[in-house]
Amino acid sequence: MYQDILYEVDDPVAIVTMNRPDQLNALTGRMMAEMRHAFAEAENDPAVVGIVLTGAGRGFCAGADMQGLSATASGERGQAEDLSDLKATPGNPAMGPNFEVTYSYLMSLSKPLIAAINGPCAGLGFVYACLADMRFVERQAKFTSAFAQRGLIAEHGSSWILPRLIGVGKALDLLWSARKFTGEEAKELGLADRLVEEGKSLQAAIDYIKYLAEVVSPTSIKVIKAQVYRHLNMELRDAMLETNEWMAESLVREDFKEGVSSFMEKRPPEFKRVGGD
């Protein structure tokens, strides 16, 4: 089914690989539809605890395919490719309408999404990386927002998420200047959650998800992710009230009983995996 990505499940990890290495994994409409479809597959698979997004070859993602951008700039748009077989609706509907616009669905995925950034990360690829839950970045990786140097604005939620990740001034610098910066600076800025050596980002992300699968409840992961992103949009009172409601629900789940029992019995927990709702 997939032409522009690779999809692999290695319990408990789903790996989505953008697979146009000769074009530094530049995004096409098909690739984005395939990724959306693959994320839905991973979300519905109870074997999957977390998802890793990475790029084939020496790059993560160079942004939107330049041929497509050139056609858009010149007003020459060809006939749209039929992607009806890739229709999918990933994401937790309980997250609400804030997470139903273009790429905001990435934050509503009910499972962790980690970007394993192994090389150039630019433009729309930069947006995908920012909207992932965590970024594991190799030292030699190069970043640029790119938008302003193409006469564009901060695209698809980058003006919302980037200041929340690194602060307003730093975000404006990266968005205004579109300057290139390395994985090491990404760590200094707070954009990279883990800084790893060349060739190590994918395995580091896989190992992290395997660790989560061993020690924590997948349902807790799902609810905590929903809390964090929903509560960024709420007043404190509303966030606290929702937390109290969801906490009461967690106290009657089997996972709570298992969490306490495993602690008392000094053994690893055996939590239930989750698929789609």
C-alpha atoms as a PDB file:
ATOM      1  CA  MET A   1       0.000   0.000   0.000  1.00  0.00           C
ATOM      2  CA  TYR A   2       2.746   2.462   0.923  1.00  0.00           C
ATOM      3  CA  GLN A   3       5.007   3.992  -1.715  1.00  0.00           C
ATOM      4  CA  ASP A   4       6.708   6.916   0.042  1.00  0.00           C
ATOM      5  CA  ILE A   5       7.082   5.505   3.561  1.00  0.00           C
ATOM      6  CA  LEU A   6       8.077   2.291   5.291  1.00  0.00           C
ATOM      7  CA  TYR A   7       5.990   0.924   8.144  1.00  0.00           C
ATOM      8  CA  GLU A   8       7.196  -1.704  10.578  1.00  0.00           C
ATOM      9  CA  VAL A   9       5.922  -2.963  13.915  1.00  0.00           C
ATOM     10  CA  ASP A  10       8.498  -4.469  16.253  1.00  0.00           C
ATOM     11  CA  ASP A  11       6.541  -5.061  19.476  1.00  0.00           C
ATOM     12  CA  PRO A  12       6.116  -2.639  21.249  1.00  0.00           C
ATOM     13  CA  VAL A  13       7.273  -0.045  18.687  1.00  0.00           C
ATOM     14  CA  ALA A  14       5.825   1.103  15.375  1.00  0.00           C
ATOM     15  CA  ILE A  15       8.436   2.683  13.108  1.00  0.00           C
ATOM     16  CA  VAL A  16       7.292   5.068  10.371  1.00  0.00           C
ATOM     17  CA  THR A  17      10.130   5.927   7.981  1.00  0.00           C
ATOM     18  CA  MET A  18       9.823   8.668   5.387  1.00  0.00           C
ATOM     19  CA  ASN A  19      11.344   6.910   2.407  1.00  0.00           C
ATOM     20  CA  ARG A  20      12.466   9.250  -0.361  1.00  0.00           C
ATOM     21  CA  PRO A  21      16.160   9.312   0.546  1.00  0.00           C
ATOM     22  CA  ASP A  22      17.310  10.708  -2.812  1.00  0.00           C
ATOM     23  CA  GLN A  23      15.166  13.796  -2.116  1.00  0.00           C
ATOM     24  CA  LEU A  24      16.090  13.946   1.598  1.00  0.00           C
ATOM     25  CA  ASN A  25      12.572  12.621   2.259  1.00  0.00           C
ATOM     26  CA  ALA A  26      10.870  15.733   0.917  1.00  0.00           C
ATOM     27  CA  LEU A  27       7.152  15.551   1.614  1.00  0.00           C
ATOM     28  CA  THR A  28       4.608  14.783  -1.059  1.00  0.00           C
ATOM     29  CA  GLY A  29       0.852  14.658  -0.674  1.00  0.00           C
ATOM     30  CA  ARG A  30       1.064  10.886  -0.876  1.00  0.00           C
ATOM     31  CA  MET A  31       3.744  10.677   1.799  1.00  0.00           C
ATOM     32  CA  MET A  32       1.709  12.766   4.222  1.00  0.00           C
ATOM     33  CA  ALA A  33      -1.410  10.693   3.558  1.00  0.00           C
ATOM     34  CA  GLU A  34       0.586   7.499   4.039  1.00  0.00           C
ATOM     35  CA  MET A  35       2.000   8.754   7.336  1.00  0.00           C
ATOM     36  CA  ARG A  36      -1.465   9.691   8.561  1.00  0.00           C
ATOM     37  CA  HIS A  37      -2.715   6.221   7.606  1.00  0.00           C
ATOM     38  CA  ALA A  38       0.246   4.513   9.285  1.00  0.00           C
ATOM     39  CA  PHE A  39      -0.256   6.507  12.490  1.00  0.00           C
ATOM     40  CA  ALA A  40      -3.868   5.324  12.556  1.00  0.00           C
ATOM     41  CA  GLU A  41      -2.715   1.736  12.059  1.00  0.00           C
ATOM     42  CA  ALA A  42      -0.259   2.047  14.940  1.00  0.00           C
ATOM     43  CA  GLU A  43      -2.863   3.659  17.154  1.00  0.00           C
ATOM     44  CA  ASN A  44      -5.298   0.802  16.584  1.00  0.00           C
ATOM     45  CA  ASP A  45      -2.695  -1.936  17.109  1.00  0.00           C
ATOM     46  CA  PRO A  46      -2.619  -3.129  20.745  1.00  0.00           C
ATOM     47  CA  ALA A  47       0.914  -4.438  20.217  1.00  0.00           C
ATOM     48  CA  VAL A  48       2.111  -0.844  19.755  1.00  0.00           C
ATOM     49  CA  VAL A  49       2.957   1.215  22.839  1.00  0.00           C
ATOM     50  CA  GLY A  50       4.708   4.059  20.982  1.00  0.00           C
ATOM     51  CA  ILE A  51       5.563   5.331  17.509  1.00  0.00           C
ATOM     52  CA  VAL A  52       8.874   6.501  16.070  1.00  0.00           C
ATOM     53  CA  LEU A  53       9.008   8.804  13.033  1.00  0.00           C
ATOM     54  CA  THR A  54      12.311   8.972  11.179  1.00  0.00           C
ATOM     55  CA  GLY A  55      13.816   9.414   7.725  1.00  0.00           C
ATOM     56  CA  ALA A  56      15.588   7.028   5.375  1.00  0.00           C
ATOM     57  CA  GLY A  57      19.172   7.698   4.365  1.00  0.00           C
ATOM     58  CA  ARG A  58      21.061  10.728   5.609  1.00  0.00           C
ATOM     59  CA  GLY A  59      18.109  13.041   6.269  1.00  0.00           C
ATOM     60  CA  PHE A  60      15.021  13.347   8.416  1.00  0.00           C
ATOM     61  CA  CYS A  61      12.899  15.519   6.113  1.00  0.00           C
ATOM     62  CA  ALA A  62      13.854  18.434   3.851  1.00  0.00           C
ATOM     63  CA  GLY A  63      10.339  19.889   3.946  1.00  0.00           C
ATOM     64  CA  ALA A  64       7.770  20.028   1.176  1.00  0.00           C
ATOM     65  CA  ASP A  65       8.810  18.703  -2.201  1.00  0.00           C
ATOM     66  CA  MET A  66      10.246  21.681  -4.114  1.00  0.00           C
ATOM     67  CA  GLN A  67       8.680  20.660  -7.422  1.00  0.00           C
ATOM     68  CA  GLY A  68       5.287  20.847  -5.786  1.00  0.00           C
ATOM     69  CA  LEU A  69       6.134  24.228  -4.228  1.00  0.00           C
ATOM     70  CA  SER A  70       7.311  25.514  -7.602  1.00  0.00           C
ATOM     71  CA  ALA A  71       4.046  24.461  -9.204  1.00  0.00           C
ATOM     72  CA  THR A  72       2.080  26.163  -6.435  1.00  0.00           C
ATOM     73  CA  ALA A  73       4.108  29.393  -6.753  1.00  0.00           C
ATOM     74  CA  SER A  74       3.604  29.511 -10.529  1.00  0.00           C
ATOM     75  CA  GLY A  75      -0.082  28.641 -10.321  1.00  0.00           C
ATOM     76  CA  GLU A  76       0.469  25.423 -12.232  1.00  0.00           C
ATOM     77  CA  ARG A  77      -1.223  22.682 -10.271  1.00  0.00           C
ATOM     78  CA  GLY A  78      -1.652  19.320 -11.894  1.00  0.00           C
ATOM     79  CA  GLN A  79      -4.481  16.909 -11.288  1.00  0.00           C
ATOM     80  CA  ALA A  80      -4.576  15.754  -7.688  1.00  0.00           C
ATOM     81  CA  GLU A  81      -3.541  12.164  -7.049  1.00  0.00           C
ATOM     82  CA  ASP A  82      -6.312   9.851  -5.879  1.00  0.00           C
ATOM     83  CA  LEU A  83      -5.477   8.995  -2.278  1.00  0.00           C
ATOM     84  CA  SER A  84      -8.905   7.742  -1.253  1.00  0.00           C
ATOM     85  CA  ASP A  85      -7.486   4.356  -0.260  1.00  0.00           C
ATOM     86  CA  LEU A  86      -5.393   6.119   2.401  1.00  0.00           C
ATOM     87  CA  LYS A  87      -8.192   7.897   4.224  1.00  0.00           C
ATOM     88  CA  ALA A  88      -7.716   7.590   7.977  1.00  0.00           C
ATOM     89  CA  THR A  89      -8.650   9.492  11.118  1.00  0.00           C
ATOM     90  CA  PRO A  90      -5.879   9.037  13.673  1.00  0.00           C
ATOM     91  CA  GLY A  91      -6.105  10.755  17.026  1.00  0.00           C
ATOM     92  CA  ASN A  92      -8.046  10.640  20.248  1.00  0.00           C
ATOM     93  CA  PRO A  93     -11.442  12.324  19.629  1.00  0.00           C
ATOM     94  CA  ALA A  94     -11.659  13.250  23.315  1.00  0.00           C
ATOM     95  CA  MET A  95      -8.923  15.806  22.664  1.00  0.00           C
ATOM     96  CA  GLY A  96     -11.470  18.105  21.026  1.00  0.00           C
ATOM     97  CA  PRO A  97     -11.583  20.358  17.934  1.00  0.00           C
ATOM     98  CA  ASN A  98      -8.272  22.119  18.629  1.00  0.00           C
ATOM     99  CA  PHE A  99      -6.555  18.943  17.478  1.00  0.00           C
ATOM    100  CA  GLU A 100      -8.485  18.368  14.260  1.00  0.00           C
ATOM    101  CA  VAL A 101      -6.867  21.013  12.035  1.00  0.00           C
ATOM    102  CA  THR A 102      -4.192  19.932   9.506  1.00  0.00           C
ATOM    103  CA  TYR A 103      -1.219  18.519  11.426  1.00  0.00           C
ATOM    104  CA  SER A 104      -2.482  19.174  14.960  1.00  0.00           C
ATOM    105  CA  TYR A 105      -3.773  15.591  14.900  1.00  0.00           C
ATOM    106  CA  LEU A 106      -0.201  14.521  15.721  1.00  0.00           C
ATOM    107  CA  MET A 107      -0.652  15.855  19.247  1.00  0.00           C
ATOM    108  CA  SER A 108      -3.935  13.963  19.609  1.00  0.00           C
ATOM    109  CA  LEU A 109      -2.446  10.549  18.827  1.00  0.00           C
ATOM    110  CA  SER A 110      -3.202   8.354  21.829  1.00  0.00           C
ATOM    111  CA  LYS A 111       0.319   6.907  21.842  1.00  0.00           C
ATOM    112  CA  PRO A 112       3.725   8.603  22.174  1.00  0.00           C
ATOM    113  CA  LEU A 113       5.211   9.925  18.940  1.00  0.00           C
ATOM    114  CA  ILE A 114       8.984  10.368  19.001  1.00  0.00           C
ATOM    115  CA  ALA A 115      10.839  12.014  16.126  1.00  0.00           C
ATOM    116  CA  ALA A 116      14.229  10.353  15.586  1.00  0.00           C
ATOM    117  CA  ILE A 117      16.030  13.152  13.747  1.00  0.00           C
ATOM    118  CA  ASN A 118      18.982  11.736  11.874  1.00  0.00           C
ATOM    119  CA  GLY A 119      19.871  14.585   9.518  1.00  0.00           C
ATOM    120  CA  PRO A 120      18.462  17.651   7.747  1.00  0.00           C
ATOM    121  CA  CYS A 121      15.115  18.777   9.153  1.00  0.00           C
ATOM    122  CA  ALA A 122      13.558  21.750   7.385  1.00  0.00           C
ATOM    123  CA  GLY A 123      10.304  23.504   6.587  1.00  0.00           C
ATOM    124  CA  LEU A 124       7.294  21.246   6.933  1.00  0.00           C
ATOM    125  CA  GLY A 125       9.612  18.510   8.191  1.00  0.00           C
ATOM    126  CA  PHE A 126      10.539  20.917  10.995  1.00  0.00           C
ATOM    127  CA  VAL A 127       6.811  21.268  11.785  1.00  0.00           C
ATOM    128  CA  TYR A 128       6.378  17.496  12.020  1.00  0.00           C
ATOM    129  CA  ALA A 129       9.371  17.335  14.363  1.00  0.00           C
ATOM    130  CA  CYS A 130       8.004  20.125  16.586  1.00  0.00           C
ATOM    131  CA  LEU A 131       4.560  18.514  16.801  1.00  0.00           C
ATOM    132  CA  ALA A 132       6.024  15.172  17.880  1.00  0.00           C
ATOM    133  CA  ASP A 133       5.939  14.527  21.619  1.00  0.00           C
ATOM    134  CA  MET A 134       9.719  14.241  21.919  1.00  0.00           C
ATOM    135  CA  ARG A 135      12.712  14.742  19.641  1.00  0.00           C
ATOM    136  CA  PHE A 136      15.781  12.475  19.780  1.00  0.00           C
ATOM    137  CA  VAL A 137      18.387  14.335  17.746  1.00  0.00           C
ATOM    138  CA  GLU A 138      21.776  13.358  16.338  1.00  0.00           C
ATOM    139  CA  ARG A 139      24.602  15.855  16.792  1.00  0.00           C
ATOM    140  CA  GLN A 140      25.179  16.370  13.087  1.00  0.00           C
ATOM    141  CA  ALA A 141      21.506  17.040  12.293  1.00  0.00           C
ATOM    142  CA  LYS A 142      20.784  20.398  10.691  1.00  0.00           C
ATOM    143  CA  PHE A 143      17.572  22.355  11.262  1.00  0.00           C
ATOM    144  CA  THR A 144      15.912  25.342   9.622  1.00  0.00           C
ATOM    145  CA  SER A 145      12.348  26.613   9.694  1.00  0.00           C
ATOM    146  CA  ALA A 146      12.932  27.872   6.104  1.00  0.00           C
ATOM    147  CA  PHE A 147       9.562  29.640   5.787  1.00  0.00           C
ATOM    148  CA  ALA A 148      10.574  33.306   5.835  1.00  0.00           C
ATOM    149  CA  GLN A 149      13.351  32.706   3.304  1.00  0.00           C
ATOM    150  CA  ARG A 150      10.681  31.405   0.905  1.00  0.00           C
ATOM    151  CA  GLY A 151       8.369  34.367   1.476  1.00  0.00           C
ATOM    152  CA  LEU A 152       6.074  32.304   3.685  1.00  0.00           C
ATOM    153  CA  ILE A 153       4.802  32.592   7.255  1.00  0.00           C
ATOM    154  CA  ALA A 154       5.203  30.209  10.190  1.00  0.00           C
ATOM    155  CA  GLU A 155       3.298  27.201   8.934  1.00  0.00           C
ATOM    156  CA  HIS A 156       0.850  24.737  10.408  1.00  0.00           C
ATOM    157  CA  GLY A 157       1.040  25.375  14.117  1.00  0.00           C
ATOM    158  CA  SER A 158       4.755  26.136  14.380  1.00  0.00           C
ATOM    159  CA  SER A 159       3.879  29.610  15.716  1.00  0.00           C
ATOM    160  CA  TRP A 160       1.886  27.888  18.506  1.00  0.00           C
ATOM    161  CA  ILE A 161       4.130  24.969  19.449  1.00  0.00           C
ATOM    162  CA  LEU A 162       7.638  26.403  19.038  1.00  0.00           C
ATOM    163  CA  PRO A 163       7.303  29.217  21.655  1.00  0.00           C
ATOM    164  CA  ARG A 164       5.911  26.630  24.055  1.00  0.00           C
ATOM    165  CA  LEU A 165       8.951  24.429  23.486  1.00  0.00           C
ATOM    166  CA  ILE A 166      11.753  27.000  23.605  1.00  0.00           C
ATOM    167  CA  GLY A 167      10.288  30.413  24.544  1.00  0.00           C
ATOM    168  CA  VAL A 168       9.078  33.381  22.517  1.00  0.00           C
ATOM    169  CA  GLY A 169      12.369  35.123  21.739  1.00  0.00           C
ATOM    170  CA  LYS A 170      14.159  31.965  20.634  1.00  0.00           C
ATOM    171  CA  ALA A 171      11.161  30.907  18.560  1.00  0.00           C
ATOM    172  CA  LEU A 172      10.971  34.257  16.801  1.00  0.00           C
ATOM    173  CA  ASP A 173      14.680  34.057  16.014  1.00  0.00           C
ATOM    174  CA  LEU A 174      14.338  30.652  14.360  1.00  0.00           C
ATOM    175  CA  LEU A 175      11.157  31.624  12.505  1.00  0.00           C
ATOM    176  CA  TRP A 176      12.294  35.096  11.418  1.00  0.00           C
ATOM    177  CA  SER A 177      15.831  34.278  10.355  1.00  0.00           C
ATOM    178  CA  ALA A 178      15.227  30.727   9.114  1.00  0.00           C
ATOM    179  CA  ARG A 179      18.895  30.238   9.992  1.00  0.00           C
ATOM    180  CA  LYS A 180      20.434  26.798  10.097  1.00  0.00           C
ATOM    181  CA  PHE A 181      21.373  25.292  13.433  1.00  0.00           C
ATOM    182  CA  THR A 182      22.811  21.995  14.569  1.00  0.00           C
ATOM    183  CA  GLY A 183      21.596  19.197  16.783  1.00  0.00           C
ATOM    184  CA  GLU A 184      23.849  20.490  19.538  1.00  0.00           C
ATOM    185  CA  GLU A 185      22.219  23.921  19.436  1.00  0.00           C
ATOM    186  CA  ALA A 186      18.804  22.240  19.307  1.00  0.00           C
ATOM    187  CA  LYS A 187      19.661  20.671  22.646  1.00  0.00           C
ATOM    188  CA  GLU A 188      20.816  24.008  24.069  1.00  0.00           C
ATOM    189  CA  LEU A 189      17.604  25.675  22.900  1.00  0.00           C
ATOM    190  CA  GLY A 190      15.455  22.969  24.459  1.00  0.00           C
ATOM    191  CA  LEU A 191      14.151  21.679  21.130  1.00  0.00           C
ATOM    192  CA  ALA A 192      16.021  18.362  21.353  1.00  0.00           C
ATOM    193  CA  ASP A 193      14.913  16.204  24.270  1.00  0.00           C
ATOM    194  CA  ARG A 194      17.818  13.788  23.763  1.00  0.00           C
ATOM    195  CA  LEU A 195      21.109  14.458  21.981  1.00  0.00           C
ATOM    196  CA  VAL A 196      22.768  11.334  20.586  1.00  0.00           C
ATOM    197  CA  GLU A 197      25.681  10.446  18.364  1.00  0.00           C
ATOM    198  CA  GLU A 198      25.397   9.998  14.612  1.00  0.00           C
ATOM    199  CA  GLY A 199      23.344   6.957  13.654  1.00  0.00           C
ATOM    200  CA  LYS A 200      21.920   6.470  17.157  1.00  0.00           C
ATOM    201  CA  SER A 201      18.604   8.384  17.145  1.00  0.00           C
ATOM    202  CA  LEU A 202      16.375   5.566  15.920  1.00  0.00           C
ATOM    203  CA  GLN A 203      17.668   3.008  18.401  1.00  0.00           C
ATOM    204  CA  ALA A 204      17.518   5.532  21.237  1.00  0.00           C
ATOM    205  CA  ALA A 205      13.858   6.221  20.467  1.00  0.00           C
ATOM    206  CA  ILE A 206      13.083   2.497  20.203  1.00  0.00           C
ATOM    207  CA  ASP A 207      14.809   1.818  23.526  1.00  0.00           C
ATOM    208  CA  TYR A 208      12.826   4.588  25.216  1.00  0.00           C
ATOM    209  CA  ILE A 209       9.487   3.169  24.059  1.00  0.00           C
ATOM    210  CA  LYS A 210      10.564  -0.314  25.134  1.00  0.00           C
ATOM    211  CA  TYR A 211      11.334   1.099  28.569  1.00  0.00           C
ATOM    212  CA  LEU A 212       7.876   2.677  28.759  1.00  0.00           C
ATOM    213  CA  ALA A 213       6.300  -0.636  27.761  1.00  0.00           C
ATOM    214  CA  GLU A 214       8.102  -2.400  30.600  1.00  0.00           C
ATOM    215  CA  VAL A 215       7.285  -0.065  33.480  1.00  0.00           C
ATOM    216  CA  VAL A 216       4.223   2.125  32.854  1.00  0.00           C
ATOM    217  CA  SER A 217       0.560   1.781  31.929  1.00  0.00           C
ATOM    218  CA  PRO A 218      -0.239   2.494  28.254  1.00  0.00           C
ATOM    219  CA  THR A 219      -3.590   3.873  29.401  1.00  0.00           C
ATOM    220  CA  SER A 220      -1.797   6.251  31.762  1.00  0.00           C
ATOM    221  CA  ILE A 221       0.411   7.373  28.866  1.00  0.00           C
ATOM    222  CA  LYS A 222      -2.667   8.064  26.739  1.00  0.00           C
ATOM    223  CA  VAL A 223      -4.447  10.073  29.424  1.00  0.00           C
ATOM    224  CA  ILE A 224      -1.352  12.033  30.470  1.00  0.00           C
ATOM    225  CA  LYS A 225      -0.661  13.018  26.859  1.00  0.00           C
ATOM    226  CA  ALA A 226      -4.255  14.225  26.500  1.00  0.00           C
ATOM    227  CA  GLN A 227      -3.942  16.172  29.765  1.00  0.00           C
ATOM    228  CA  VAL A 228      -0.755  17.948  28.752  1.00  0.00           C
ATOM    229  CA  TYR A 229      -1.930  19.137  25.339  1.00  0.00           C
ATOM    230  CA  ARG A 230      -5.536  19.900  26.303  1.00  0.00           C
ATOM    231  CA  HIS A 231      -4.471  21.807  29.393  1.00  0.00           C
ATOM    232  CA  LEU A 232      -2.167  24.052  27.375  1.00  0.00           C
ATOM    233  CA  ASN A 233      -5.435  25.485  26.011  1.00  0.00           C
ATOM    234  CA  MET A 234      -7.291  25.756  29.326  1.00  0.00           C
ATOM    235  CA  GLU A 235      -7.561  27.988  32.351  1.00  0.00           C
ATOM    236  CA  LEU A 236      -6.079  26.404  35.475  1.00  0.00           C
ATOM    237  CA  ARG A 237      -9.473  25.839  37.104  1.00  0.00           C
ATOM    238  CA  ASP A 238     -10.817  23.934  34.101  1.00  0.00           C
ATOM    239  CA  ALA A 239      -7.637  21.877  33.867  1.00  0.00           C
ATOM    240  CA  MET A 240      -7.823  20.989  37.547  1.00  0.00           C
ATOM    241  CA  LEU A 241     -11.487  20.000  37.311  1.00  0.00           C
ATOM    242  CA  GLU A 242     -10.816  17.774  34.317  1.00  0.00           C
ATOM    243  CA  THR A 243      -7.830  16.242  36.092  1.00  0.00           C
ATOM    244  CA  ASN A 244      -9.973  15.452  39.130  1.00  0.00           C
ATOM    245  CA  GLU A 245     -12.541  13.734  36.915  1.00  0.00           C
ATOM    246  CA  TRP A 246      -9.961  11.689  35.038  1.00  0.00           C
ATOM    247  CA  MET A 247      -8.141  10.827  38.267  1.00  0.00           C
ATOM    248  CA  ALA A 248     -11.357   9.354  39.682  1.00  0.00           C
ATOM    249  CA  GLU A 249     -11.667   7.234  36.553  1.00  0.00           C
ATOM    250  CA  SER A 250      -8.088   5.974  36.894  1.00  0.00           C
ATOM    251  CA  LEU A 251      -8.675   4.843  40.485  1.00  0.00           C
ATOM    252  CA  VAL A 252     -11.205   2.224  39.367  1.00  0.00           C
ATOM    253  CA  ARG A 253      -9.188   0.828  36.468  1.00  0.00           C
ATOM    254  CA  GLU A 254      -7.493  -2.555  36.594  1.00  0.00           C
ATOM    255  CA  ASP A 255      -4.191  -0.828  35.828  1.00  0.00           C
ATOM    256  CA  PHE A 256      -4.320   0.947  39.200  1.00  0.00           C
ATOM    257  CA  LYS A 257      -4.831  -2.363  40.990  1.00  0.00           C
ATOM    258  CA  GLU A 258      -1.986  -3.926  38.989  1.00  0.00           C
ATOM    259  CA  GLY A 259       0.304  -0.976  39.631  1.00  0.00           C
ATOM    260  CA  VAL A 260      -0.172  -1.232  43.383  1.00  0.00           C
ATOM    261  CA  SER A 261       0.022  -5.037  43.436  1.00  0.00           C
ATOM    262  CA  SER A 262       3.222  -5.152  41.378  1.00  0.00           C
ATOM    263  CA  PHE A 263       4.835  -2.583  43.672  1.00  0.00           C
ATOM    264  CA  MET A 264       3.867  -4.456  46.824  1.00  0.00           C
ATOM    265  CA  GLU A 265       4.944  -7.791  45.354  1.00  0.00           C
ATOM    266  CA  LYS A 266       8.217  -6.342  44.004  1.00  0.00           C
ATOM    267  CA  ARG A 267       7.651  -7.578  40.460  1.00  0.00           C
ATOM    268  CA  PRO A 268       7.350  -5.930  37.032  1.00  0.00           C
ATOM    269  CA  PRO A 269       3.826  -4.711  36.260  1.00  0.00           C
ATOM    270  CA  GLU A 270       1.686  -6.397  33.628  1.00  0.00           C
ATOM    271  CA  PHE A 271      -0.426  -3.585  32.225  1.00  0.00           C
ATOM    272  CA  LYS A 272      -3.020  -4.009  29.498  1.00  0.00           C
ATOM    273  CA  ARG A 273      -2.040  -2.762  26.054  1.00  0.00           C
ATOM    274  CA  VAL A 274      -4.483  -0.435  24.280  1.00  0.00           C
ATOM    275  CA  GLY A 275      -5.711  -0.184  20.722  1.00  0.00           C
ATOM    276  CA  GLY A 276      -8.232   2.134  19.132  1.00  0.00           C
ATOM    277  CA  ASP A 277     -11.335   3.265  20.961  1.00  0.00           C
END
